[in-house]
Amino acid sequence: MKTTIKTYEDVTVLVSNIAGQVIESINYNNISKANIYLNGNAGFYFVEIITPAGKTTLKVLKK
């Protein structure tokens, strides 16, 4: 089995609280994987990942 992992340039990750306030903004260059740690209190957060190919938003629950 062959697996290809795509590498992205100019990736921005925005972490927002439930009120929509951006609490962290991280920029990456030439990555295929990133670890993101939420330092805030327990609750829901939105993680928006923006690449040249598009963007996606994840809803995350921190316990």
N, C-alpha and C. Protein backbone atom coordinates (compact mmCIF):
# COMPACT_ATOMS: atom_id res chain seq x y z
N MET A 1 0.84 -1.18 0.00
CA MET A 1 0.00 0.00 0.00
C MET A 1 0.89 1.24 0.00
N LYS A 2 0.56 2.18 -0.83
CA LYS A 2 1.31 3.43 -0.91
C LYS A 2 0.42 4.58 -0.44
N THR A 3 0.96 5.37 0.46
CA THR A 3 0.24 6.52 0.97
C THR A 3 1.01 7.79 0.64
N THR A 4 0.31 8.77 0.12
CA THR A 4 0.93 10.04 -0.19
C THR A 4 0.38 11.09 0.77
N ILE A 5 1.29 11.80 1.42
CA ILE A 5 0.89 12.87 2.31
C ILE A 5 1.22 14.18 1.62
N LYS A 6 0.22 14.99 1.43
CA LYS A 6 0.42 16.27 0.75
C LYS A 6 1.05 17.28 1.70
N THR A 7 2.01 18.02 1.20
CA THR A 7 2.65 19.09 1.96
C THR A 7 2.07 20.42 1.48
N TYR A 8 1.70 21.26 2.43
CA TYR A 8 1.12 22.56 2.11
C TYR A 8 2.09 23.67 2.48
N GLU A 9 2.08 24.72 1.69
CA GLU A 9 2.82 25.94 2.00
C GLU A 9 1.81 26.97 2.48
N ASP A 10 2.27 27.88 3.30
CA ASP A 10 1.45 29.01 3.75
C ASP A 10 0.12 28.56 4.36
N VAL A 11 0.20 27.83 5.46
CA VAL A 11 -0.99 27.37 6.17
C VAL A 11 -1.20 28.27 7.38
N THR A 12 -2.44 28.69 7.58
CA THR A 12 -2.80 29.48 8.75
C THR A 12 -3.84 28.71 9.54
N VAL A 13 -3.64 28.64 10.84
CA VAL A 13 -4.60 28.00 11.74
C VAL A 13 -5.10 29.06 12.71
N LEU A 14 -6.41 29.23 12.74
CA LEU A 14 -7.04 30.19 13.65
C LEU A 14 -7.86 29.42 14.67
N VAL A 15 -7.64 29.69 15.95
CA VAL A 15 -8.41 29.07 17.02
C VAL A 15 -9.30 30.16 17.62
N SER A 16 -10.62 29.90 17.60
CA SER A 16 -11.58 30.88 18.11
C SER A 16 -12.40 30.26 19.23
N ASN A 17 -12.82 31.11 20.17
CA ASN A 17 -13.72 30.62 21.21
C ASN A 17 -15.14 30.62 20.68
N ILE A 18 -16.08 30.18 21.50
CA ILE A 18 -17.47 30.05 21.07
C ILE A 18 -18.09 31.40 20.71
N ALA A 19 -17.53 32.50 21.26
CA ALA A 19 -18.02 33.84 20.94
C ALA A 19 -17.47 34.36 19.62
N GLY A 20 -16.57 33.59 18.98
CA GLY A 20 -16.00 34.00 17.71
C GLY A 20 -14.73 34.82 17.82
N GLN A 21 -14.23 35.01 19.03
CA GLN A 21 -12.99 35.77 19.22
C GLN A 21 -11.80 34.87 18.91
N VAL A 22 -10.91 35.35 18.04
CA VAL A 22 -9.70 34.59 17.72
C VAL A 22 -8.76 34.67 18.92
N ILE A 23 -8.45 33.50 19.48
CA ILE A 23 -7.57 33.48 20.66
C ILE A 23 -6.15 33.04 20.31
N GLU A 24 -6.00 32.48 19.10
CA GLU A 24 -4.66 32.10 18.66
C GLU A 24 -4.63 32.04 17.15
N SER A 25 -3.54 32.52 16.58
CA SER A 25 -3.31 32.48 15.14
C SER A 25 -1.90 31.92 14.93
N ILE A 26 -1.82 30.84 14.15
CA ILE A 26 -0.54 30.17 13.92
C ILE A 26 -0.31 30.07 12.42
N ASN A 27 0.89 30.44 11.97
CA ASN A 27 1.25 30.32 10.56
C ASN A 27 2.32 29.24 10.40
N TYR A 28 2.15 28.41 9.40
CA TYR A 28 3.09 27.34 9.10
C TYR A 28 3.54 27.45 7.64
N ASN A 29 4.72 26.96 7.36
CA ASN A 29 5.23 26.86 5.99
C ASN A 29 5.72 25.44 5.75
N ASN A 30 5.35 24.89 4.63
CA ASN A 30 5.79 23.55 4.22
C ASN A 30 5.52 22.49 5.28
N ILE A 31 4.24 22.25 5.58
CA ILE A 31 3.88 21.25 6.57
C ILE A 31 2.96 20.21 5.96
N SER A 32 2.97 19.03 6.54
CA SER A 32 2.02 18.00 6.17
C SER A 32 1.20 17.58 7.39
N LYS A 33 1.66 17.98 8.59
CA LYS A 33 0.97 17.63 9.82
C LYS A 33 1.32 18.66 10.88
N ALA A 34 0.35 18.98 11.75
CA ALA A 34 0.60 19.95 12.82
C ALA A 34 -0.12 19.50 14.08
N ASN A 35 0.48 19.71 15.22
CA ASN A 35 -0.15 19.47 16.51
C ASN A 35 -0.57 20.82 17.07
N ILE A 36 -1.82 20.91 17.48
CA ILE A 36 -2.35 22.15 18.02
C ILE A 36 -2.83 21.87 19.44
N TYR A 37 -2.37 22.67 20.39
CA TYR A 37 -2.74 22.50 21.79
C TYR A 37 -3.62 23.67 22.21
N LEU A 38 -4.76 23.36 22.80
CA LEU A 38 -5.68 24.39 23.28
C LEU A 38 -5.34 24.69 24.73
N ASN A 39 -4.93 25.92 25.00
CA ASN A 39 -4.52 26.31 26.34
C ASN A 39 -5.66 26.92 27.16
N GLY A 40 -6.81 27.09 26.59
CA GLY A 40 -7.91 27.75 27.28
C GLY A 40 -8.68 26.82 28.20
N ASN A 41 -9.77 27.34 28.74
CA ASN A 41 -10.64 26.58 29.62
C ASN A 41 -11.42 25.52 28.85
N ALA A 42 -12.07 24.63 29.57
CA ALA A 42 -12.93 23.62 28.95
C ALA A 42 -14.05 24.32 28.19
N GLY A 43 -14.48 23.73 27.08
CA GLY A 43 -15.57 24.29 26.29
C GLY A 43 -15.37 24.05 24.81
N PHE A 44 -16.23 24.64 24.01
CA PHE A 44 -16.15 24.48 22.56
C PHE A 44 -15.24 25.53 21.95
N TYR A 45 -14.49 25.11 20.94
CA TYR A 45 -13.60 25.99 20.19
C TYR A 45 -13.77 25.68 18.71
N PHE A 46 -13.47 26.65 17.87
CA PHE A 46 -13.46 26.45 16.43
C PHE A 46 -12.01 26.56 15.96
N VAL A 47 -11.58 25.59 15.17
CA VAL A 47 -10.24 25.59 14.59
C VAL A 47 -10.41 25.70 13.09
N GLU A 48 -9.99 26.83 12.54
CA GLU A 48 -10.09 27.07 11.10
C GLU A 48 -8.72 26.88 10.47
N ILE A 49 -8.65 26.02 9.48
CA ILE A 49 -7.40 25.71 8.79
C ILE A 49 -7.51 26.27 7.38
N ILE A 50 -6.60 27.19 7.05
CA ILE A 50 -6.65 27.88 5.76
C ILE A 50 -5.39 27.53 4.98
N THR A 51 -5.58 26.97 3.78
CA THR A 51 -4.47 26.63 2.89
C THR A 51 -4.73 27.28 1.54
N PRO A 52 -3.73 27.30 0.66
CA PRO A 52 -3.99 27.82 -0.69
C PRO A 52 -5.09 27.05 -1.43
N ALA A 53 -5.34 25.80 -1.03
CA ALA A 53 -6.36 24.97 -1.68
C ALA A 53 -7.76 25.23 -1.14
N GLY A 54 -7.88 25.95 -0.02
CA GLY A 54 -9.19 26.22 0.56
C GLY A 54 -9.12 26.27 2.07
N LYS A 55 -10.28 26.23 2.71
CA LYS A 55 -10.29 26.27 4.16
C LYS A 55 -11.35 25.33 4.71
N THR A 56 -11.13 24.91 5.96
CA THR A 56 -12.08 24.07 6.66
C THR A 56 -12.13 24.49 8.11
N THR A 57 -13.28 24.31 8.73
CA THR A 57 -13.44 24.68 10.14
C THR A 57 -13.88 23.45 10.92
N LEU A 58 -13.20 23.21 12.02
CA LEU A 58 -13.50 22.10 12.90
C LEU A 58 -14.07 22.63 14.21
N LYS A 59 -15.09 21.97 14.73
CA LYS A 59 -15.62 22.32 16.05
C LYS A 59 -15.02 21.32 17.03
N VAL A 60 -14.36 21.83 18.07
CA VAL A 60 -13.61 20.99 19.00
C VAL A 60 -14.15 21.21 20.40
N LEU A 61 -14.32 20.13 21.16
CA LEU A 61 -14.71 20.21 22.56
C LEU A 61 -13.51 19.88 23.41
N LYS A 62 -13.10 20.83 24.26
CA LYS A 62 -12.01 20.59 25.20
C LYS A 62 -12.66 20.28 26.54
N LYS A 63 -12.29 19.14 27.11
CA LYS A 63 -12.85 18.74 28.41
C LYS A 63 -11.98 19.17 29.54
